[in-house]
Amino acid sequence: MTDAPELDGMDLDCALGGFRDMLATDGYTLSWSLNGENGVVVRIVAGEDACADCLVPLPVMETIMSNALEPTPYTLDHIVLPSGS
């Protein structure tokens, strides 16, 4: 995970942390990186015991992540899902 500057008490780890924890319970790892100045690339990787049916469709995931980033100066660039998702 990339360290982001403090954002008025809310950094990217805080903005995406709840989703990272939720996905971890289903066997996925969420990480992020910055693409340019304000774009965030979210990567979701399936672990060995990941629940294949637990990920929502990409358009829903994009809405969820975009909403999570609203309190920050960052926007969602794109999401990289595991192969076959």
PDB file of N, CA and C in Angstrom:
ATOM      1  N   MET A   1       0.829  -1.174   0.000  1.00  0.00           N
ATOM      2  CA  MET A   1       0.000   0.000   0.000  1.00  0.00           C
ATOM      3  C   MET A   1       0.878   1.243   0.000  1.00  0.00           C
ATOM      4  N   THR A   2       0.392   2.254  -0.649  1.00  0.00           N
ATOM      5  CA  THR A   2       1.125   3.500  -0.761  1.00  0.00           C
ATOM      6  C   THR A   2       0.733   4.420   0.380  1.00  0.00           C
ATOM      7  N   ASP A   3       1.715   5.159   0.898  1.00  0.00           N
ATOM      8  CA  ASP A   3       1.393   6.139   1.927  1.00  0.00           C
ATOM      9  C   ASP A   3       0.897   7.400   1.254  1.00  0.00           C
ATOM     10  N   ALA A   4      -0.216   7.907   1.708  1.00  0.00           N
ATOM     11  CA  ALA A   4      -0.776   9.140   1.165  1.00  0.00           C
ATOM     12  C   ALA A   4      -0.594  10.246   2.184  1.00  0.00           C
ATOM     13  N   PRO A   5      -0.517  11.477   1.733  1.00  0.00           N
ATOM     14  CA  PRO A   5      -0.461  12.586   2.686  1.00  0.00           C
ATOM     15  C   PRO A   5      -1.748  12.654   3.482  1.00  0.00           C
ATOM     16  N   GLU A   6      -1.660  13.226   4.658  1.00  0.00           N
ATOM     17  CA  GLU A   6      -2.848  13.395   5.506  1.00  0.00           C
ATOM     18  C   GLU A   6      -3.853  14.298   4.797  1.00  0.00           C
ATOM     19  N   LEU A   7      -5.098  13.922   4.817  1.00  0.00           N
ATOM     20  CA  LEU A   7      -6.134  14.653   4.093  1.00  0.00           C
ATOM     21  C   LEU A   7      -7.197  15.131   5.064  1.00  0.00           C
ATOM     22  N   ASP A   8      -6.918  16.189   5.795  1.00  0.00           N
ATOM     23  CA  ASP A   8      -7.879  16.698   6.758  1.00  0.00           C
ATOM     24  C   ASP A   8      -8.415  15.581   7.648  1.00  0.00           C
ATOM     25  N   GLY A   9      -7.536  14.746   8.156  1.00  0.00           N
ATOM     26  CA  GLY A   9      -7.936  13.676   9.058  1.00  0.00           C
ATOM     27  C   GLY A   9      -8.395  12.419   8.339  1.00  0.00           C
ATOM     28  N   MET A  10      -8.524  12.442   7.030  1.00  0.00           N
ATOM     29  CA  MET A  10      -8.957  11.245   6.303  1.00  0.00           C
ATOM     30  C   MET A  10      -7.960  10.972   5.183  1.00  0.00           C
ATOM     31  N   ASP A  11      -7.225   9.888   5.285  1.00  0.00           N
ATOM     32  CA  ASP A  11      -6.332   9.526   4.200  1.00  0.00           C
ATOM     33  C   ASP A  11      -6.938   8.368   3.414  1.00  0.00           C
ATOM     34  N   LEU A  12      -6.265   7.947   2.386  1.00  0.00           N
ATOM     35  CA  LEU A  12      -6.805   6.884   1.542  1.00  0.00           C
ATOM     36  C   LEU A  12      -6.976   5.580   2.298  1.00  0.00           C
ATOM     37  N   ASP A  13      -6.065   5.293   3.224  1.00  0.00           N
ATOM     38  CA  ASP A  13      -6.228   4.075   4.024  1.00  0.00           C
ATOM     39  C   ASP A  13      -7.524   4.106   4.814  1.00  0.00           C
ATOM     40  N   CYS A  14      -7.863   5.260   5.361  1.00  0.00           N
ATOM     41  CA  CYS A  14      -9.118   5.386   6.106  1.00  0.00           C
ATOM     42  C   CYS A  14     -10.312   5.269   5.163  1.00  0.00           C
ATOM     43  N   ALA A  15     -10.220   5.917   4.005  1.00  0.00           N
ATOM     44  CA  ALA A  15     -11.332   5.918   3.059  1.00  0.00           C
ATOM     45  C   ALA A  15     -11.634   4.514   2.541  1.00  0.00           C
ATOM     46  N   LEU A  16     -10.600   3.719   2.322  1.00  0.00           N
ATOM     47  CA  LEU A  16     -10.779   2.387   1.734  1.00  0.00           C
ATOM     48  C   LEU A  16     -10.631   1.251   2.749  1.00  0.00           C
ATOM     49  N   GLY A  17     -10.265   1.585   3.974  1.00  0.00           N
ATOM     50  CA  GLY A  17      -9.995   0.564   4.990  1.00  0.00           C
ATOM     51  C   GLY A  17     -11.150  -0.368   5.288  1.00  0.00           C
ATOM     52  N   GLY A  18     -12.357   0.165   5.364  1.00  0.00           N
ATOM     53  CA  GLY A  18     -13.514  -0.681   5.650  1.00  0.00           C
ATOM     54  C   GLY A  18     -13.735  -1.718   4.566  1.00  0.00           C
ATOM     55  N   PHE A  19     -13.520  -1.320   3.323  1.00  0.00           N
ATOM     56  CA  PHE A  19     -13.685  -2.253   2.212  1.00  0.00           C
ATOM     57  C   PHE A  19     -12.556  -3.268   2.193  1.00  0.00           C
ATOM     58  N   ARG A  20     -11.357  -2.829   2.539  1.00  0.00           N
ATOM     59  CA  ARG A  20     -10.216  -3.753   2.625  1.00  0.00           C
ATOM     60  C   ARG A  20     -10.512  -4.824   3.661  1.00  0.00           C
ATOM     61  N   ASP A  21     -11.032  -4.424   4.815  1.00  0.00           N
ATOM     62  CA  ASP A  21     -11.343  -5.380   5.878  1.00  0.00           C
ATOM     63  C   ASP A  21     -12.477  -6.317   5.475  1.00  0.00           C
ATOM     64  N   MET A  22     -13.505  -5.772   4.822  1.00  0.00           N
ATOM     65  CA  MET A  22     -14.645  -6.576   4.393  1.00  0.00           C
ATOM     66  C   MET A  22     -14.206  -7.619   3.355  1.00  0.00           C
ATOM     67  N   LEU A  23     -13.411  -7.196   2.394  1.00  0.00           N
ATOM     68  CA  LEU A  23     -12.932  -8.126   1.369  1.00  0.00           C
ATOM     69  C   LEU A  23     -12.012  -9.185   1.961  1.00  0.00           C
ATOM     70  N   ALA A  24     -11.253  -8.820   2.983  1.00  0.00           N
ATOM     71  CA  ALA A  24     -10.344  -9.779   3.623  1.00  0.00           C
ATOM     72  C   ALA A  24     -11.115 -10.938   4.247  1.00  0.00           C
ATOM     73  N   THR A  25     -12.313 -10.664   4.757  1.00  0.00           N
ATOM     74  CA  THR A  25     -13.097 -11.751   5.354  1.00  0.00           C
ATOM     75  C   THR A  25     -13.525 -12.773   4.310  1.00  0.00           C
ATOM     76  N   ASP A  26     -13.558 -12.364   3.035  1.00  0.00           N
ATOM     77  CA  ASP A  26     -13.915 -13.278   1.946  1.00  0.00           C
ATOM     78  C   ASP A  26     -12.690 -13.805   1.209  1.00  0.00           C
ATOM     79  N   GLY A  27     -11.492 -13.523   1.732  1.00  0.00           N
ATOM     80  CA  GLY A  27     -10.265 -14.073   1.158  1.00  0.00           C
ATOM     81  C   GLY A  27      -9.594 -13.208   0.105  1.00  0.00           C
ATOM     82  N   TYR A  28      -9.938 -11.921   0.045  1.00  0.00           N
ATOM     83  CA  TYR A  28      -9.354 -11.017  -0.945  1.00  0.00           C
ATOM     84  C   TYR A  28      -8.457  -9.994  -0.262  1.00  0.00           C
ATOM     85  N   THR A  29      -7.500  -9.491  -1.026  1.00  0.00           N
ATOM     86  CA  THR A  29      -6.626  -8.420  -0.562  1.00  0.00           C
ATOM     87  C   THR A  29      -6.895  -7.190  -1.418  1.00  0.00           C
ATOM     88  N   LEU A  30      -7.120  -6.054  -0.771  1.00  0.00           N
ATOM     89  CA  LEU A  30      -7.315  -4.792  -1.477  1.00  0.00           C
ATOM     90  C   LEU A  30      -6.087  -3.931  -1.248  1.00  0.00           C
ATOM     91  N   SER A  31      -5.535  -3.419  -2.322  1.00  0.00           N
ATOM     92  CA  SER A  31      -4.443  -2.459  -2.221  1.00  0.00           C
ATOM     93  C   SER A  31      -4.737  -1.324  -3.195  1.00  0.00           C
ATOM     94  N   TRP A  32      -4.016  -0.235  -3.069  1.00  0.00           N
ATOM     95  CA  TRP A  32      -4.234   0.907  -3.938  1.00  0.00           C
ATOM     96  C   TRP A  32      -2.917   1.578  -4.253  1.00  0.00           C
ATOM     97  N   SER A  33      -2.918   2.319  -5.342  1.00  0.00           N
ATOM     98  CA  SER A  33      -1.769   3.135  -5.704  1.00  0.00           C
ATOM     99  C   SER A  33      -2.296   4.379  -6.406  1.00  0.00           C
ATOM    100  N   LEU A  34      -1.456   5.398  -6.442  1.00  0.00           N
ATOM    101  CA  LEU A  34      -1.847   6.632  -7.119  1.00  0.00           C
ATOM    102  C   LEU A  34      -1.411   6.569  -8.572  1.00  0.00           C
ATOM    103  N   ASN A  35      -2.280   7.025  -9.449  1.00  0.00           N
ATOM    104  CA  ASN A  35      -2.014   7.087 -10.876  1.00  0.00           C
ATOM    105  C   ASN A  35      -2.117   8.557 -11.258  1.00  0.00           C
ATOM    106  N   GLY A  36      -0.999   9.220 -11.327  1.00  0.00           N
ATOM    107  CA  GLY A  36      -1.024  10.662 -11.545  1.00  0.00           C
ATOM    108  C   GLY A  36      -1.212  11.363 -10.210  1.00  0.00           C
ATOM    109  N   GLU A  37      -1.728  12.563 -10.255  1.00  0.00           N
ATOM    110  CA  GLU A  37      -1.871  13.347  -9.035  1.00  0.00           C
ATOM    111  C   GLU A  37      -3.039  12.902  -8.163  1.00  0.00           C
ATOM    112  N   ASN A  38      -4.199  12.664  -8.770  1.00  0.00           N
ATOM    113  CA  ASN A  38      -5.398  12.424  -7.974  1.00  0.00           C
ATOM    114  C   ASN A  38      -6.099  11.116  -8.278  1.00  0.00           C
ATOM    115  N   GLY A  39      -5.619  10.354  -9.228  1.00  0.00           N
ATOM    116  CA  GLY A  39      -6.272   9.105  -9.596  1.00  0.00           C
ATOM    117  C   GLY A  39      -5.822   7.948  -8.730  1.00  0.00           C
ATOM    118  N   VAL A  40      -6.772   7.150  -8.306  1.00  0.00           N
ATOM    119  CA  VAL A  40      -6.468   5.987  -7.469  1.00  0.00           C
ATOM    120  C   VAL A  40      -6.789   4.720  -8.255  1.00  0.00           C
ATOM    121  N   VAL A  41      -5.814   3.822  -8.283  1.00  0.00           N
ATOM    122  CA  VAL A  41      -6.011   2.503  -8.874  1.00  0.00           C
ATOM    123  C   VAL A  41      -6.175   1.525  -7.713  1.00  0.00           C
ATOM    124  N   VAL A  42      -7.311   0.850  -7.682  1.00  0.00           N
ATOM    125  CA  VAL A  42      -7.597  -0.136  -6.639  1.00  0.00           C
ATOM    126  C   VAL A  42      -7.371  -1.520  -7.227  1.00  0.00           C
ATOM    127  N   ARG A  43      -6.607  -2.341  -6.514  1.00  0.00           N
ATOM    128  CA  ARG A  43      -6.345  -3.715  -6.947  1.00  0.00           C
ATOM    129  C   ARG A  43      -6.932  -4.677  -5.928  1.00  0.00           C
ATOM    130  N   ILE A  44      -7.664  -5.640  -6.444  1.00  0.00           N
ATOM    131  CA  ILE A  44      -8.232  -6.678  -5.588  1.00  0.00           C
ATOM    132  C   ILE A  44      -7.662  -8.003  -6.058  1.00  0.00           C
ATOM    133  N   VAL A  45      -7.034  -8.711  -5.134  1.00  0.00           N
ATOM    134  CA  VAL A  45      -6.374  -9.979  -5.442  1.00  0.00           C
ATOM    135  C   VAL A  45      -7.049 -11.075  -4.638  1.00  0.00           C
ATOM    136  N   ALA A  46      -7.357 -12.179  -5.309  1.00  0.00           N
ATOM    137  CA  ALA A  46      -7.986 -13.323  -4.644  1.00  0.00           C
ATOM    138  C   ALA A  46      -6.935 -14.167  -3.956  1.00  0.00           C
ATOM    139  N   GLY A  47      -7.178 -14.484  -2.698  1.00  0.00           N
ATOM    140  CA  GLY A  47      -6.320 -15.406  -1.974  1.00  0.00           C
ATOM    141  C   GLY A  47      -6.681 -16.840  -2.338  1.00  0.00           C
ATOM    142  N   GLU A  48      -5.934 -17.759  -1.813  1.00  0.00           N
ATOM    143  CA  GLU A  48      -6.135 -19.176  -2.119  1.00  0.00           C
ATOM    144  C   GLU A  48      -7.547 -19.658  -1.790  1.00  0.00           C
ATOM    145  N   ASP A  49      -8.117 -19.176  -0.704  1.00  0.00           N
ATOM    146  CA  ASP A  49      -9.450 -19.616  -0.271  1.00  0.00           C
ATOM    147  C   ASP A  49     -10.521 -18.546  -0.504  1.00  0.00           C
ATOM    148  N   ALA A  50     -10.319 -17.690  -1.512  1.00  0.00           N
ATOM    149  CA  ALA A  50     -11.272 -16.604  -1.766  1.00  0.00           C
ATOM    150  C   ALA A  50     -12.625 -17.149  -2.215  1.00  0.00           C
ATOM    151  N   CYS A  51     -13.660 -16.475  -1.768  1.00  0.00           N
ATOM    152  CA  CYS A  51     -15.032 -16.808  -2.147  1.00  0.00           C
ATOM    153  C   CYS A  51     -15.280 -16.295  -3.564  1.00  0.00           C
ATOM    154  N   ALA A  52     -15.365 -17.214  -4.529  1.00  0.00           N
ATOM    155  CA  ALA A  52     -15.490 -16.823  -5.939  1.00  0.00           C
ATOM    156  C   ALA A  52     -16.762 -16.036  -6.230  1.00  0.00           C
ATOM    157  N   ASP A  53     -17.823 -16.248  -5.474  1.00  0.00           N
ATOM    158  CA  ASP A  53     -19.099 -15.578  -5.719  1.00  0.00           C
ATOM    159  C   ASP A  53     -19.313 -14.341  -4.851  1.00  0.00           C
ATOM    160  N   CYS A  54     -18.304 -13.933  -4.104  1.00  0.00           N
ATOM    161  CA  CYS A  54     -18.502 -12.853  -3.133  1.00  0.00           C
ATOM    162  C   CYS A  54     -18.250 -11.449  -3.683  1.00  0.00           C
ATOM    163  N   LEU A  55     -17.582 -11.320  -4.811  1.00  0.00           N
ATOM    164  CA  LEU A  55     -17.341  -9.987  -5.354  1.00  0.00           C
ATOM    165  C   LEU A  55     -18.570  -9.499  -6.114  1.00  0.00           C
ATOM    166  N   VAL A  56     -18.891  -8.236  -5.907  1.00  0.00           N
ATOM    167  CA  VAL A  56     -19.992  -7.631  -6.665  1.00  0.00           C
ATOM    168  C   VAL A  56     -19.485  -7.330  -8.072  1.00  0.00           C
ATOM    169  N   PRO A  57     -20.379  -7.130  -9.036  1.00  0.00           N
ATOM    170  CA  PRO A  57     -19.951  -6.794 -10.403  1.00  0.00           C
ATOM    171  C   PRO A  57     -19.139  -5.497 -10.431  1.00  0.00           C
ATOM    172  N   LEU A  58     -18.279  -5.379 -11.430  1.00  0.00           N
ATOM    173  CA  LEU A  58     -17.387  -4.227 -11.539  1.00  0.00           C
ATOM    174  C   LEU A  58     -18.114  -2.888 -11.452  1.00  0.00           C
ATOM    175  N   PRO A  59     -19.233  -2.657 -12.148  1.00  0.00           N
ATOM    176  CA  PRO A  59     -19.895  -1.347 -12.037  1.00  0.00           C
ATOM    177  C   PRO A  59     -20.328  -1.019 -10.600  1.00  0.00           C
ATOM    178  N   VAL A  60     -20.759  -2.019  -9.862  1.00  0.00           N
ATOM    179  CA  VAL A  60     -21.151  -1.806  -8.466  1.00  0.00           C
ATOM    180  C   VAL A  60     -19.911  -1.489  -7.626  1.00  0.00           C
ATOM    181  N   MET A  61     -18.828  -2.233  -7.857  1.00  0.00           N
ATOM    182  CA  MET A  61     -17.578  -1.996  -7.125  1.00  0.00           C
ATOM    183  C   MET A  61     -17.054  -0.592  -7.421  1.00  0.00           C
ATOM    184  N   GLU A  62     -17.153  -0.148  -8.672  1.00  0.00           N
ATOM    185  CA  GLU A  62     -16.702   1.198  -9.026  1.00  0.00           C
ATOM    186  C   GLU A  62     -17.510   2.267  -8.291  1.00  0.00           C
ATOM    187  N   THR A  63     -18.802   2.068  -8.175  1.00  0.00           N
ATOM    188  CA  THR A  63     -19.648   3.014  -7.450  1.00  0.00           C
ATOM    189  C   THR A  63     -19.275   3.035  -5.972  1.00  0.00           C
ATOM    190  N   ILE A  64     -19.089   1.872  -5.381  1.00  0.00           N
ATOM    191  CA  ILE A  64     -18.724   1.780  -3.968  1.00  0.00           C
ATOM    192  C   ILE A  64     -17.406   2.493  -3.701  1.00  0.00           C
ATOM    193  N   MET A  65     -16.389   2.217  -4.510  1.00  0.00           N
ATOM    194  CA  MET A  65     -15.072   2.825  -4.305  1.00  0.00           C
ATOM    195  C   MET A  65     -15.101   4.329  -4.583  1.00  0.00           C
ATOM    196  N   SER A  66     -15.832   4.740  -5.605  1.00  0.00           N
ATOM    197  CA  SER A  66     -15.944   6.178  -5.903  1.00  0.00           C
ATOM    198  C   SER A  66     -16.600   6.922  -4.747  1.00  0.00           C
ATOM    199  N   ASN A  67     -17.652   6.341  -4.195  1.00  0.00           N
ATOM    200  CA  ASN A  67     -18.325   6.956  -3.040  1.00  0.00           C
ATOM    201  C   ASN A  67     -17.409   7.027  -1.840  1.00  0.00           C
ATOM    202  N   ALA A  68     -16.601   5.993  -1.627  1.00  0.00           N
ATOM    203  CA  ALA A  68     -15.679   5.986  -0.491  1.00  0.00           C
ATOM    204  C   ALA A  68     -14.629   7.085  -0.630  1.00  0.00           C
ATOM    205  N   LEU A  69     -14.266   7.417  -1.855  1.00  0.00           N
ATOM    206  CA  LEU A  69     -13.237   8.434  -2.084  1.00  0.00           C
ATOM    207  C   LEU A  69     -13.782   9.863  -2.087  1.00  0.00           C
ATOM    208  N   GLU A  70     -15.099  10.038  -2.073  1.00  0.00           N
ATOM    209  CA  GLU A  70     -15.686  11.377  -2.132  1.00  0.00           C
ATOM    210  C   GLU A  70     -15.164  12.347  -1.080  1.00  0.00           C
ATOM    211  N   PRO A  71     -14.920  11.918   0.180  1.00  0.00           N
ATOM    212  CA  PRO A  71     -14.430  12.882   1.171  1.00  0.00           C
ATOM    213  C   PRO A  71     -12.953  13.259   0.983  1.00  0.00           C
ATOM    214  N   THR A  72     -12.285  12.656   0.018  1.00  0.00           N
ATOM    215  CA  THR A  72     -10.866  12.922  -0.221  1.00  0.00           C
ATOM    216  C   THR A  72     -10.712  13.726  -1.503  1.00  0.00           C
ATOM    217  N   PRO A  73      -9.533  14.265  -1.760  1.00  0.00           N
ATOM    218  CA  PRO A  73      -9.307  14.966  -3.028  1.00  0.00           C
ATOM    219  C   PRO A  73      -9.003  14.005  -4.185  1.00  0.00           C
ATOM    220  N   TYR A  74      -9.142  12.711  -3.947  1.00  0.00           N
ATOM    221  CA  TYR A  74      -8.824  11.700  -4.949  1.00  0.00           C
ATOM    222  C   TYR A  74     -10.074  11.172  -5.634  1.00  0.00           C
ATOM    223  N   THR A  75      -9.888  10.661  -6.853  1.00  0.00           N
ATOM    224  CA  THR A  75     -10.966  10.029  -7.592  1.00  0.00           C
ATOM    225  C   THR A  75     -10.513   8.646  -8.036  1.00  0.00           C
ATOM    226  N   LEU A  76     -11.460   7.786  -8.267  1.00  0.00           N
ATOM    227  CA  LEU A  76     -11.146   6.446  -8.735  1.00  0.00           C
ATOM    228  C   LEU A  76     -10.709   6.502 -10.195  1.00  0.00           C
ATOM    229  N   ASP A  77      -9.532   5.976 -10.482  1.00  0.00           N
ATOM    230  CA  ASP A  77      -9.058   5.861 -11.866  1.00  0.00           C
ATOM    231  C   ASP A  77      -9.640   4.580 -12.455  1.00  0.00           C
ATOM    232  N   HIS A  78      -9.351   3.448 -11.815  1.00  0.00           N
ATOM    233  CA  HIS A  78      -9.935   2.178 -12.214  1.00  0.00           C
ATOM    234  C   HIS A  78      -9.670   1.118 -11.150  1.00  0.00           C
ATOM    235  N   ILE A  79     -10.359  -0.017 -11.310  1.00  0.00           N
ATOM    236  CA  ILE A  79     -10.213  -1.153 -10.394  1.00  0.00           C
ATOM    237  C   ILE A  79      -9.678  -2.322 -11.192  1.00  0.00           C
ATOM    238  N   VAL A  80      -8.705  -3.019 -10.629  1.00  0.00           N
ATOM    239  CA  VAL A  80      -8.171  -4.234 -11.214  1.00  0.00           C
ATOM    240  C   VAL A  80      -8.706  -5.386 -10.376  1.00  0.00           C
ATOM    241  N   LEU A  81      -9.542  -6.220 -11.012  1.00  0.00           N
ATOM    242  CA  LEU A  81     -10.139  -7.378 -10.336  1.00  0.00           C
ATOM    243  C   LEU A  81      -9.356  -8.637 -10.660  1.00  0.00           C
ATOM    244  N   PRO A  82      -9.525  -9.681  -9.831  1.00  0.00           N
ATOM    245  CA  PRO A  82      -8.861 -10.953 -10.147  1.00  0.00           C
ATOM    246  C   PRO A  82      -9.363 -11.491 -11.486  1.00  0.00           C
ATOM    247  N   SER A  83      -8.527 -12.255 -12.152  1.00  0.00           N
ATOM    248  CA  SER A  83      -8.936 -12.882 -13.417  1.00  0.00           C
ATOM    249  C   SER A  83     -10.193 -13.708 -13.199  1.00  0.00           C
ATOM    250  N   GLY A  84     -11.089 -13.636 -14.143  1.00  0.00           N
ATOM    251  CA  GLY A  84     -12.320 -14.399 -14.051  1.00  0.00           C
ATOM    252  C   GLY A  84     -13.414 -13.713 -13.272  1.00  0.00           C
ATOM    253  N   SER A  85     -13.166 -12.514 -12.759  1.00  0.00           N
ATOM    254  CA  SER A  85     -14.198 -11.782 -12.001  1.00  0.00           C
ATOM    255  C   SER A  85     -14.978 -10.880 -12.897  1.00  0.00           C
TER     256      SER A  85
END
